[in-house]
PDB file of all heavy atoms in Angstrom:
ATOM      1  N   GLY A   1       6.587   4.815  15.645  1.00  0.00           N
ATOM      2  CA  GLY A   1       6.844   5.234  14.246  1.00  0.00           C
ATOM      3  C   GLY A   1       6.755   4.093  13.302  1.00  0.00           C
ATOM      4  O   GLY A   1       6.585   2.898  13.708  1.00  0.00           O
ATOM      5  N   ARG A   2       6.880   4.370  12.018  1.00  0.00           N
ATOM      6  CA  ARG A   2       6.878   3.337  10.998  1.00  0.00           C
ATOM      7  C   ARG A   2       8.299   3.185  10.450  1.00  0.00           C
ATOM      8  O   ARG A   2       9.055   4.115  10.461  1.00  0.00           O
ATOM      9  CB  ARG A   2       5.876   3.696   9.906  1.00  0.00           C
ATOM     10  CG  ARG A   2       4.477   3.714  10.358  1.00  0.00           C
ATOM     11  CD  ARG A   2       3.528   3.726   9.183  1.00  0.00           C
ATOM     12  NE  ARG A   2       2.160   3.610   9.611  1.00  0.00           N
ATOM     13  CZ  ARG A   2       1.462   2.489   9.636  1.00  0.00           C
ATOM     14  NH1 ARG A   2       2.057   1.361   9.386  1.00  0.00           N
ATOM     15  NH2 ARG A   2       0.217   2.452  10.041  1.00  0.00           N
ATOM     16  N   LEU A   3       8.585   2.016   9.906  1.00  0.00           N
ATOM     17  CA  LEU A   3       9.852   1.793   9.276  1.00  0.00           C
ATOM     18  C   LEU A   3       9.862   2.500   7.933  1.00  0.00           C
ATOM     19  O   LEU A   3       8.870   2.562   7.217  1.00  0.00           O
ATOM     20  CB  LEU A   3      10.063   0.284   9.032  1.00  0.00           C
ATOM     21  CG  LEU A   3      10.277  -0.594  10.251  1.00  0.00           C
ATOM     22  CD1 LEU A   3      10.485  -2.041   9.776  1.00  0.00           C
ATOM     23  CD2 LEU A   3      11.448  -0.161  11.111  1.00  0.00           C
ATOM     24  N   SER A   4      11.027   3.079   7.618  1.00  0.00           N
ATOM     25  CA  SER A   4      11.173   3.707   6.296  1.00  0.00           C
ATOM     26  C   SER A   4      11.364   2.574   5.280  1.00  0.00           C
ATOM     27  O   SER A   4      11.533   1.424   5.604  1.00  0.00           O
ATOM     28  CB  SER A   4      12.394   4.591   6.286  1.00  0.00           C
ATOM     29  OG  SER A   4      13.596   3.845   6.382  1.00  0.00           O
ATOM     30  N   THR A   5      11.319   2.962   4.002  1.00  0.00           N
ATOM     31  CA  THR A   5      11.496   2.002   2.927  1.00  0.00           C
ATOM     32  C   THR A   5      12.894   1.329   3.013  1.00  0.00           C
ATOM     33  O   THR A   5      12.990   0.119   2.822  1.00  0.00           O
ATOM     34  CB  THR A   5      11.351   2.676   1.578  1.00  0.00           C
ATOM     35  OG1 THR A   5      10.063   3.330   1.550  1.00  0.00           O
ATOM     36  CG2 THR A   5      11.397   1.656   0.431  1.00  0.00           C
ATOM     37  N   ALA A   6      13.903   2.091   3.349  1.00  0.00           N
ATOM     38  CA  ALA A   6      15.284   1.549   3.469  1.00  0.00           C
ATOM     39  C   ALA A   6      15.326   0.540   4.618  1.00  0.00           C
ATOM     40  O   ALA A   6      15.964  -0.469   4.537  1.00  0.00           O
ATOM     41  CB  ALA A   6      16.275   2.658   3.686  1.00  0.00           C
ATOM     42  N   GLN A   7      14.670   0.828   5.760  1.00  0.00           N
ATOM     43  CA  GLN A   7      14.632  -0.077   6.910  1.00  0.00           C
ATOM     44  C   GLN A   7      13.839  -1.351   6.528  1.00  0.00           C
ATOM     45  O   GLN A   7      14.257  -2.422   6.945  1.00  0.00           O
ATOM     46  CB  GLN A   7      14.016   0.613   8.116  1.00  0.00           C
ATOM     47  CG  GLN A   7      14.940   1.680   8.731  1.00  0.00           C
ATOM     48  CD  GLN A   7      14.205   2.478   9.774  1.00  0.00           C
ATOM     49  OE1 GLN A   7      12.997   2.802   9.673  1.00  0.00           O
ATOM     50  NE2 GLN A   7      14.941   2.868  10.793  1.00  0.00           N
ATOM     51  N   LYS A   8      12.756  -1.200   5.820  1.00  0.00           N
ATOM     52  CA  LYS A   8      12.003  -2.373   5.411  1.00  0.00           C
ATOM     53  C   LYS A   8      12.827  -3.273   4.503  1.00  0.00           C
ATOM     54  O   LYS A   8      12.811  -4.481   4.625  1.00  0.00           O
ATOM     55  CB  LYS A   8      10.707  -1.959   4.678  1.00  0.00           C
ATOM     56  CG  LYS A   8       9.648  -1.343   5.591  1.00  0.00           C
ATOM     57  CD  LYS A   8       8.450  -0.976   4.713  1.00  0.00           C
ATOM     58  CE  LYS A   8       7.465  -0.177   5.541  1.00  0.00           C
ATOM     59  NZ  LYS A   8       6.316   0.228   4.721  1.00  0.00           N
ATOM     60  N   ASP A   9      13.548  -2.641   3.571  1.00  0.00           N
ATOM     61  CA  ASP A   9      14.408  -3.427   2.664  1.00  0.00           C
ATOM     62  C   ASP A   9      15.490  -4.165   3.409  1.00  0.00           C
ATOM     63  O   ASP A   9      15.811  -5.339   3.139  1.00  0.00           O
ATOM     64  CB  ASP A   9      15.012  -2.521   1.593  1.00  0.00           C
ATOM     65  CG  ASP A   9      13.993  -1.963   0.631  1.00  0.00           C
ATOM     66  OD1 ASP A   9      12.882  -2.535   0.511  1.00  0.00           O
ATOM     67  OD2 ASP A   9      14.292  -0.967  -0.046  1.00  0.00           O
ATOM     68  N   ALA A  10      16.086  -3.498   4.428  1.00  0.00           N
ATOM     69  CA  ALA A  10      17.135  -4.109   5.243  1.00  0.00           C
ATOM     70  C   ALA A  10      16.549  -5.313   6.030  1.00  0.00           C
ATOM     71  O   ALA A  10      17.178  -6.329   6.186  1.00  0.00           O
ATOM     72  CB  ALA A  10      17.785  -3.129   6.168  1.00  0.00           C
ATOM     73  N   ALA A  11      15.358  -5.128   6.585  1.00  0.00           N
ATOM     74  CA  ALA A  11      14.725  -6.225   7.325  1.00  0.00           C
ATOM     75  C   ALA A  11      14.382  -7.377   6.408  1.00  0.00           C
ATOM     76  O   ALA A  11      14.566  -8.547   6.777  1.00  0.00           O
ATOM     77  CB  ALA A  11      13.438  -5.687   8.028  1.00  0.00           C
ATOM     78  N   GLN A  12      13.961  -7.108   5.176  1.00  0.00           N
ATOM     79  CA  GLN A  12      13.691  -8.137   4.207  1.00  0.00           C
ATOM     80  C   GLN A  12      14.954  -8.900   3.841  1.00  0.00           C
ATOM     81  O   GLN A  12      14.946 -10.127   3.732  1.00  0.00           O
ATOM     82  CB  GLN A  12      13.031  -7.551   2.952  1.00  0.00           C
ATOM     83  CG  GLN A  12      12.705  -8.612   1.874  1.00  0.00           C
ATOM     84  CD  GLN A  12      11.649  -9.566   2.295  1.00  0.00           C
ATOM     85  OE1 GLN A  12      10.598  -9.171   2.764  1.00  0.00           O
ATOM     86  NE2 GLN A  12      11.917 -10.831   2.223  1.00  0.00           N
ATOM     87  N   GLN A  13      16.034  -8.159   3.649  1.00  0.00           N
ATOM     88  CA  GLN A  13      17.293  -8.777   3.288  1.00  0.00           C
ATOM     89  C   GLN A  13      17.779  -9.667   4.437  1.00  0.00           C
ATOM     90  O   GLN A  13      18.250 -10.779   4.229  1.00  0.00           O
ATOM     91  CB  GLN A  13      18.342  -7.713   2.971  1.00  0.00           C
ATOM     92  CG  GLN A  13      19.721  -8.321   2.643  1.00  0.00           C
ATOM     93  CD  GLN A  13      20.744  -7.213   2.365  1.00  0.00           C
ATOM     94  OE1 GLN A  13      20.432  -6.026   2.438  1.00  0.00           O
ATOM     95  NE2 GLN A  13      21.942  -7.633   2.061  1.00  0.00           N
ATOM     96  N   ARG A  14      17.622  -9.215   5.645  1.00  0.00           N
ATOM     97  CA  ARG A  14      18.037  -9.974   6.832  1.00  0.00           C
ATOM     98  C   ARG A  14      17.208 -11.246   6.922  1.00  0.00           C
ATOM     99  O   ARG A  14      17.744 -12.342   7.250  1.00  0.00           O
ATOM    100  CB  ARG A  14      17.894  -9.151   8.091  1.00  0.00           C
ATOM    101  CG  ARG A  14      18.440  -9.744   9.337  1.00  0.00           C
ATOM    102  CD  ARG A  14      18.422  -8.714  10.440  1.00  0.00           C
ATOM    103  NE  ARG A  14      19.180  -9.177  11.597  1.00  0.00           N
ATOM    104  CZ  ARG A  14      18.644  -9.663  12.692  1.00  0.00           C
ATOM    105  NH1 ARG A  14      17.358  -9.773  12.778  1.00  0.00           N
ATOM    106  NH2 ARG A  14      19.399 -10.078  13.708  1.00  0.00           N
ATOM    107  N   ALA A  15      15.925 -11.183   6.652  1.00  0.00           N
ATOM    108  CA  ALA A  15      15.055 -12.357   6.676  1.00  0.00           C
ATOM    109  C   ALA A  15      15.477 -13.357   5.589  1.00  0.00           C
ATOM    110  O   ALA A  15      15.517 -14.551   5.841  1.00  0.00           O
ATOM    111  CB  ALA A  15      13.606 -11.927   6.463  1.00  0.00           C
ATOM    112  N   ASP A  16      15.788 -12.832   4.389  1.00  0.00           N
ATOM    113  CA  ASP A  16      16.244 -13.732   3.322  1.00  0.00           C
ATOM    114  C   ASP A  16      17.520 -14.438   3.657  1.00  0.00           C
ATOM    115  O   ASP A  16      17.709 -15.618   3.379  1.00  0.00           O
ATOM    116  CB  ASP A  16      16.456 -12.903   2.012  1.00  0.00           C
ATOM    117  CG  ASP A  16      15.173 -12.403   1.356  1.00  0.00           C
ATOM    118  OD1 ASP A  16      14.107 -13.010   1.718  1.00  0.00           O
ATOM    119  OD2 ASP A  16      15.228 -11.465   0.625  1.00  0.00           O
ATOM    120  N   GLU A  17      18.470 -13.742   4.299  1.00  0.00           N
ATOM    121  CA  GLU A  17      19.740 -14.311   4.685  1.00  0.00           C
ATOM    122  C   GLU A  17      19.570 -15.451   5.693  1.00  0.00           C
ATOM    123  O   GLU A  17      20.367 -16.353   5.739  1.00  0.00           O
ATOM    124  CB  GLU A  17      20.662 -13.288   5.269  1.00  0.00           C
ATOM    125  CG  GLU A  17      21.186 -12.276   4.248  1.00  0.00           C
ATOM    126  CD  GLU A  17      21.926 -11.114   4.865  1.00  0.00           C
ATOM    127  OE1 GLU A  17      22.002 -11.048   6.117  1.00  0.00           O
ATOM    128  OE2 GLU A  17      22.393 -10.248   4.125  1.00  0.00           O
ATOM    129  N   HIS A  18      18.511 -15.328   6.481  1.00  0.00           N
ATOM    130  CA  HIS A  18      18.257 -16.363   7.494  1.00  0.00           C
ATOM    131  C   HIS A  18      17.208 -17.405   7.061  1.00  0.00           C
ATOM    132  O   HIS A  18      16.735 -18.188   7.868  1.00  0.00           O
ATOM    133  CB  HIS A  18      17.835 -15.696   8.813  1.00  0.00           C
ATOM    134  CG  HIS A  18      18.967 -14.972   9.471  1.00  0.00           C
ATOM    135  ND1 HIS A  18      19.228 -13.661   9.238  1.00  0.00           N
ATOM    136  CD2 HIS A  18      19.908 -15.384  10.320  1.00  0.00           C
ATOM    137  CE1 HIS A  18      20.268 -13.259   9.938  1.00  0.00           C
ATOM    138  NE2 HIS A  18      20.737 -14.303  10.604  1.00  0.00           N
ATOM    139  N   GLY A  19      16.826 -17.352   5.798  1.00  0.00           N
ATOM    140  CA  GLY A  19      15.898 -18.354   5.237  1.00  0.00           C
ATOM    141  C   GLY A  19      14.466 -18.157   5.584  1.00  0.00           C
ATOM    142  O   GLY A  19      13.657 -19.079   5.450  1.00  0.00           O
ATOM    143  N   ARG A  20      14.097 -16.948   5.964  1.00  0.00           N
ATOM    144  CA  ARG A  20      12.706 -16.622   6.211  1.00  0.00           C
ATOM    145  C   ARG A  20      12.087 -15.919   5.000  1.00  0.00           C
ATOM    146  O   ARG A  20      12.754 -15.128   4.342  1.00  0.00           O
ATOM    147  CB  ARG A  20      12.534 -15.760   7.435  1.00  0.00           C
ATOM    148  CG  ARG A  20      12.936 -16.507   8.737  1.00  0.00           C
ATOM    149  CD  ARG A  20      12.645 -15.684   9.979  1.00  0.00           C
ATOM    150  NE  ARG A  20      13.495 -14.491  10.039  1.00  0.00           N
ATOM    151  CZ  ARG A  20      14.691 -14.453  10.574  1.00  0.00           C
ATOM    152  NH1 ARG A  20      15.258 -15.551  11.025  1.00  0.00           N
ATOM    153  NH2 ARG A  20      15.382 -13.312  10.641  1.00  0.00           N
ATOM    154  N   ARG A  21      10.870 -16.208   4.737  1.00  0.00           N
ATOM    155  CA  ARG A  21      10.193 -15.669   3.570  1.00  0.00           C
ATOM    156  C   ARG A  21       9.833 -14.185   3.783  1.00  0.00           C
ATOM    157  O   ARG A  21       9.900 -13.357   2.876  1.00  0.00           O
ATOM    158  CB  ARG A  21       8.946 -16.446   3.309  1.00  0.00           C
ATOM    159  CG  ARG A  21       8.421 -16.329   1.940  1.00  0.00           C
ATOM    160  CD  ARG A  21       7.395 -17.400   1.686  1.00  0.00           C
ATOM    161  NE  ARG A  21       6.479 -16.971   0.702  1.00  0.00           N
ATOM    162  CZ  ARG A  21       5.382 -17.566   0.384  1.00  0.00           C
ATOM    163  NH1 ARG A  21       5.002 -18.657   1.024  1.00  0.00           N
ATOM    164  NH2 ARG A  21       4.582 -17.114  -0.572  1.00  0.00           N
ATOM    165  N   TYR A  22       9.411 -13.838   4.987  1.00  0.00           N
ATOM    166  CA  TYR A  22       9.040 -12.525   5.343  1.00  0.00           C
ATOM    167  C   TYR A  22       9.822 -12.038   6.569  1.00  0.00           C
ATOM    168  O   TYR A  22      10.146 -12.854   7.424  1.00  0.00           O
ATOM    169  CB  TYR A  22       7.541 -12.423   5.669  1.00  0.00           C
ATOM    170  CG  TYR A  22       6.680 -12.919   4.550  1.00  0.00           C
ATOM    171  CD1 TYR A  22       6.008 -14.148   4.659  1.00  0.00           C
ATOM    172  CD2 TYR A  22       6.467 -12.153   3.423  1.00  0.00           C
ATOM    173  CE1 TYR A  22       5.205 -14.599   3.623  1.00  0.00           C
ATOM    174  CE2 TYR A  22       5.651 -12.610   2.403  1.00  0.00           C
ATOM    175  CZ  TYR A  22       5.005 -13.807   2.506  1.00  0.00           C
ATOM    176  OH  TYR A  22       4.224 -14.241   1.508  1.00  0.00           O
ATOM    177  N   PRO A  23      10.038 -10.769   6.694  1.00  0.00           N
ATOM    178  CA  PRO A  23      10.678 -10.267   7.952  1.00  0.00           C
ATOM    179  C   PRO A  23       9.709 -10.411   9.085  1.00  0.00           C
ATOM    180  O   PRO A  23       8.516 -10.159   8.959  1.00  0.00           O
ATOM    181  CB  PRO A  23      11.010  -8.804   7.632  1.00  0.00           C
ATOM    182  CG  PRO A  23      10.363  -8.466   6.391  1.00  0.00           C
ATOM    183  CD  PRO A  23       9.909  -9.692   5.741  1.00  0.00           C
ATOM    184  N   ASN A  24      10.239 -10.851  10.211  1.00  0.00           N
ATOM    185  CA  ASN A  24       9.360 -11.006  11.400  1.00  0.00           C
ATOM    186  C   ASN A  24       9.621  -9.835  12.335  1.00  0.00           C
ATOM    187  O   ASN A  24      10.343  -8.914  12.038  1.00  0.00           O
ATOM    188  CB  ASN A  24       9.603 -12.399  12.060  1.00  0.00           C
ATOM    189  CG  ASN A  24      11.024 -12.608  12.515  1.00  0.00           C
ATOM    190  OD1 ASN A  24      11.784 -11.685  12.673  1.00  0.00           O
ATOM    191  ND2 ASN A  24      11.384 -13.827  12.692  1.00  0.00           N
ATOM    192  N   LEU A  25       9.031  -9.936  13.522  1.00  0.00           N
ATOM    193  CA  LEU A  25       9.133  -8.863  14.506  1.00  0.00           C
ATOM    194  C   LEU A  25      10.590  -8.601  14.859  1.00  0.00           C
ATOM    195  O   LEU A  25      11.026  -7.438  15.016  1.00  0.00           O
ATOM    196  CB  LEU A  25       8.329  -9.209  15.741  1.00  0.00           C
ATOM    197  CG  LEU A  25       8.442  -8.258  16.921  1.00  0.00           C
ATOM    198  CD1 LEU A  25       7.779  -6.944  16.593  1.00  0.00           C
ATOM    199  CD2 LEU A  25       7.799  -8.862  18.162  1.00  0.00           C
ATOM    200  N   VAL A  26      11.392  -9.647  14.991  1.00  0.00           N
ATOM    201  CA  VAL A  26      12.803  -9.481  15.381  1.00  0.00           C
ATOM    202  C   VAL A  26      13.566  -8.735  14.318  1.00  0.00           C
ATOM    203  O   VAL A  26      14.372  -7.864  14.584  1.00  0.00           O
ATOM    204  CB  VAL A  26      13.406 -10.861  15.733  1.00  0.00           C
ATOM    205  CG1 VAL A  26      14.838 -10.705  16.056  1.00  0.00           C
ATOM    206  CG2 VAL A  26      12.658 -11.479  16.878  1.00  0.00           C
ATOM    207  N   ASP A  27      13.328  -9.076  13.048  1.00  0.00           N
ATOM    208  CA  ASP A  27      14.000  -8.367  11.924  1.00  0.00           C
ATOM    209  C   ASP A  27      13.609  -6.870  11.950  1.00  0.00           C
ATOM    210  O   ASP A  27      14.475  -6.006  11.750  1.00  0.00           O
ATOM    211  CB  ASP A  27      13.625  -8.951  10.582  1.00  0.00           C
ATOM    212  CG  ASP A  27      14.128 -10.388  10.436  1.00  0.00           C
ATOM    213  OD1 ASP A  27      15.209 -10.696  10.921  1.00  0.00           O
ATOM    214  OD2 ASP A  27      13.398 -11.203   9.829  1.00  0.00           O
ATOM    215  N   ASN A  28      12.336  -6.611  12.147  1.00  0.00           N
ATOM    216  CA  ASN A  28      11.882  -5.213  12.161  1.00  0.00           C
ATOM    217  C   ASN A  28      12.450  -4.452  13.340  1.00  0.00           C
ATOM    218  O   ASN A  28      12.834  -3.276  13.211  1.00  0.00           O
ATOM    219  CB  ASN A  28      10.329  -5.155  12.161  1.00  0.00           C
ATOM    220  CG  ASN A  28       9.736  -5.664  10.885  1.00  0.00           C
ATOM    221  OD1 ASN A  28      10.380  -5.667   9.828  1.00  0.00           O
ATOM    222  ND2 ASN A  28       8.498  -6.076  10.928  1.00  0.00           N
ATOM    223  N   MET A  29      12.517  -5.131  14.509  1.00  0.00           N
ATOM    224  CA  MET A  29      13.081  -4.470  15.669  1.00  0.00           C
ATOM    225  C   MET A  29      14.574  -4.178  15.424  1.00  0.00           C
ATOM    226  O   MET A  29      15.063  -3.098  15.801  1.00  0.00           O
ATOM    227  CB  MET A  29      12.948  -5.351  16.881  1.00  0.00           C
ATOM    228  CG  MET A  29      11.553  -5.407  17.469  1.00  0.00           C
ATOM    229  SD  MET A  29      11.336  -6.598  18.766  1.00  0.00           S
ATOM    230  CE  MET A  29      12.547  -6.104  19.945  1.00  0.00           C
ATOM    231  N   TRP A  30      15.275  -5.108  14.805  1.00  0.00           N
ATOM    232  CA  TRP A  30      16.705  -4.889  14.469  1.00  0.00           C
ATOM    233  C   TRP A  30      16.854  -3.706  13.575  1.00  0.00           C
ATOM    234  O   TRP A  30      17.709  -2.834  13.757  1.00  0.00           O
ATOM    235  CB  TRP A  30      17.271  -6.169  13.821  1.00  0.00           C
ATOM    236  CG  TRP A  30      18.620  -5.953  13.283  1.00  0.00           C
ATOM    237  CD1 TRP A  30      19.798  -6.034  13.980  1.00  0.00           C
ATOM    238  CD2 TRP A  30      18.969  -5.554  11.948  1.00  0.00           C
ATOM    239  NE1 TRP A  30      20.832  -5.753  13.152  1.00  0.00           N
ATOM    240  CE2 TRP A  30      20.372  -5.445  11.890  1.00  0.00           C
ATOM    241  CE3 TRP A  30      18.238  -5.288  10.820  1.00  0.00           C
ATOM    242  CZ2 TRP A  30      21.034  -5.108  10.755  1.00  0.00           C
ATOM    243  CZ3 TRP A  30      18.893  -4.912   9.672  1.00  0.00           C
ATOM    244  CH2 TRP A  30      20.278  -4.825   9.645  1.00  0.00           C
ATOM    245  N   ALA A  31      16.040  -3.610  12.499  1.00  0.00           N
ATOM    246  CA  ALA A  31      16.134  -2.500  11.544  1.00  0.00           C
ATOM    247  C   ALA A  31      15.860  -1.190  12.211  1.00  0.00           C
ATOM    248  O   ALA A  31      16.551  -0.195  11.944  1.00  0.00           O
ATOM    249  CB  ALA A  31      15.178  -2.771  10.407  1.00  0.00           C
ATOM    250  N   SER A  32      14.848  -1.109  13.050  1.00  0.00           N
ATOM    251  CA  SER A  32      14.524   0.147  13.697  1.00  0.00           C
ATOM    252  C   SER A  32      15.584   0.581  14.713  1.00  0.00           C
ATOM    253  O   SER A  32      15.818   1.765  14.863  1.00  0.00           O
ATOM    254  CB  SER A  32      13.179   0.102  14.379  1.00  0.00           C
ATOM    255  OG  SER A  32      13.214  -0.779  15.474  1.00  0.00           O
TER     256      SER A  32
END
């Protein structure tokens, strides 16, 4: 499946909190 907009936003926020510019595979796996 694909991540919803809310899941993408949460992955982006998690990446920002950890100093990454973009969410990576681990952030996306966490969100899903």
